[in-house]
Structure formats: C-alpha cells, structure tokens
Amino acid sequence: MGYSEEQVLEENNPHVCYPTRHLYRYLLLFVISFICFGTYFTYDEIASVQMLLQEDFDITASQYGLLYSLYSIPNILLVFLGGVLGDKLGLRLAGLIFVSLSFAGSIIVALSPFLIHSIGRKGAYIILASGRFIFGMGAESLNVTQSAMIARWFFDTKDMAMAFGIVLSMSRLGDFLALNLGGKIALLHTGLNYRLTLIVGACLCGLSFFCVFIYSVLDKLAERMIYRPPLPKETINFKAVKHFDPRFWLISSTIVIYYSAVMPFVAIGAQFTSYTWPNKYSSNFITPTPVIILSSMILSPILGKFLDTVGKRPYFVVIGCLAIVPAYFLLAFTDLIPYISAVIIGISFSLVPSALWPSIPLIIPEASTGTAYGLMTSIQNFGLALVNFLVNLIIQYQGYRWAMVFFACIACVGLLLGELLIIFDYNLGKQLCKTKSPIRRIDEKI
C-alpha cells in the first residue's frame, strides 16, 4: 500500500503539533467553530430588545422588520458572489474581508443609539439600518467561507460531518444566547440598557475577527511546514456552475425546501405557542423555538460523527424529512404539548443539515467549494424569503393550523427530493452513501 506525501511527512515529524496530526486539525476546528458565533449573536440581538429599540428610535414594526430585510434581501445575490470571491482570493483573504465588514457593521449598529441626541431619531435610525446592511454584506459570506474552511481541513478525514456539526452547534449557540439572554444583558446596566446588548454583539464580532486572523496564521503556517501549495485560485467564471454534478442541484434544492419547512416555524414558534395555548405556555423559555435550537446544538456533532461512520447520507435526509411531517400534524390537529414535536423537529434539524452540508466537498472540486456553498446559500436565502412571506399570508388569512399543514407539505416535497437524491447517487457511484474513509474527491477539471 502506498503512502501519501502527508503520511510520509507525519512519520518523519512526530511532533504532536505538526499540521498533519489530529491535534493541529482540531485546534483549527476550535478556532473555525467560533468564527460565526459572534455574527449569529449579532444577527438576532435586536430581537431580544425589540420593544426598547422601537421606543428609543421611535420606529414602527415595519421599520423594525426592515432591519432584518436589509440583512437578508441583498444576500440572495451577495452570498453567491462571496463564495466566488472565496475561491478567487483564497479563504484567508476572503475571510478577513468578510469578517471586517461584519465587525464594522456591528460597531455602527452599537454606536447608533448614542447618536440619537446629536442627530435625531431619524438620522440615528438611518445609521442603524446602514450598520445592519454592512453587517449583512459580510456575515452570510463569512458563513460560506467557514464551510469551505471545514471542507479544506477535514475532507480527507473520517470526521468531516462531525466537524460540520460542531460548527453548526457553536453558531446556533450564538443565536440561542442572543434570543434568550439578550434581554437579560440589557438589564445588567440600567444606564446603557439595550445598548449594552448591542455592544456585546460588537465585541463578539471582534472575537470572530480574531478567530479568522488566527485561522489565517495557522493555515499559512501549515502550508509552509508541509510544503503544500495554496489552493488554486480560479478565474471568476460564472458559467462553470452549469457543469456542477447533478447531485449538487438536488442537494441545494433539498436544503432550501428543508430549511423552508423548519426555519420559518422557528421564527414564529413563540407566537404560535402563545396563540394556541394562551394560558399554559406564556414564557419564551418553554416555546418550541429554544427546544429546537437546543436539541440541534447538542445532537449535531453526535449525529455528524454517526454519519461519518455509517454513510448513507441521502437515506438519512429522507428519514429527517419524513420525521417532521407527523410532528407538524401533531401541532396542527392535537392539543399535545409542543415539546414532543419540538424535540422531533430538533433531532431532524440536526440530522438533515449534518448529512447535506458535508456532502458538497464530495462531489465538487476543491477549488470551487466556496462557489458551491455560496450558490447553495443564495438559493436557500431566496427560498426562505419567499416562504416567510407565504407563511405570514397563511397565518393572516387561515390561521396557524394551516401554516403547520403548509410546513408538513413542504417537508413532503423534501422527502421526494431525498428519494431523487438516492436514485441519482446510486447511478453516479454511490459516493454520498459511502463512509468517509474510502471516498476520494472528484477533481475533474471544470
């Protein structure tokens, strides 16, 4: 049996901190996992202080909603361009650019309340909105770059899905802390009030900047120590995506459908619970939203490692989509406590992303991984924007019950796409069904 160059280098360099050894990889994983922790917190920091924010800036609910739209709508396109730039400029430089935009935007957001007395509420709101826009320009593309970093360092290991699961868990932890502790942070200082929450968000984005810098140093050091050239930087060629593996388009379609069946429900979980059980469940801590997020945080690394071991990724996508169908019907047509459905959705929300996101490096050339993740996230953002609009219309005219039925129907579409993915993967070599160890990347030239 032949040995790779890295294996020979590892044999000749027994130092535990050598880049080809596990310790170095997992040090990088620790750093990478915190890259989007701060941006996830900052994204939802305004949700926990919504009433205070609206009162201080004297803005309506629609103006508050615009703060989320300014983040989301541009990223339907920008995140794809961010993925392309990641492949063109390299992950280190692209990561530093995107995290700098996120950090700058979070600082502008944190400073905006202090400008109310000098430039007025309207002027300060414009500054706040501009900060959210700048923050969004970097945050989503940074998320794509983070995925490409994991693919770069864990593709040739048996722990890639677990690594993705750990990163997902840390990102969702940032989101969970923002939603559940953001309001409590505001109470720590009566003078600063909600401004303290925004300052904490900016500080955590500073942590993200620091982590990208440390990753860049470690990644560059590894290149020099093992004499490995940097990834080839492709010319910007948008037509190249037409030649992506057909399974990429099925995975992207499944991602957008599945996330559309879960994420909008997470967003309306508190309102749904208070409307359906007004007397029994009034606290935000016992609504489905934190249960789903906590379940996925805990289970994502565990199920990721499980998938690395057993393979069969498309089959588990089908199982995950199938599981949430009865969960939504339970919410729609029974009076059972929402915890049961929330735990089922949380398990599914750990399983399906842990199966789909790590599948991209297995079917896309390494130099195009950033572009692939960017395009997939762009499609996801477009689908989520559309479904969120439709869900609000259904709630307005038909009520929450039919919104739950709508989510179940979307999950059924995801189930069908998962079946198609099984068929396509069977005909194209079953790469997505194999365990990690025997898989080799497809590096056909595009």
Foldseek 3Di string as FASTA:
>chain_A
DDDDLLVVVCVVPVPCCACVHPVVLVVLLVLLLLLQLLVLLLLLLCVQVVVVVCVLLVDDPVLVVVLNVLLQVVLLPLLLVLLLVCLQVPLLVSLLVLLVLLLQLLVQLLCLSVCCVPPNSVVSSVSNSVSSNSNSSRNSSNVLSSLLVLCVRPQQDLQSLLSVLLSLLSNLVSNLCSNPVSQVQLVVDVVCRSSSSSVVSSVSSVSSSVSSVVSSVSVVVNCVSSVPDGDDRDDRDPCVVVPFDPLLVLLLVLLLLLCLLPVLCLVCQQVLCCVVPVPPDNDPVQTLNVLLSVLLSVCQSVLLSVCLVQFQLLVQLLVLLVQLLVLLVCSQPHPPRNNVSSNSNSNSVSRNCSLRSSCQQLRDASSSSSSSSSNSVSSNSVSNVVSSVVLVVCCVPPNDSVSSVVSSVSSVVSNVSSVVSVVSCVVVPVLRRDRSNPGDHDNDDD
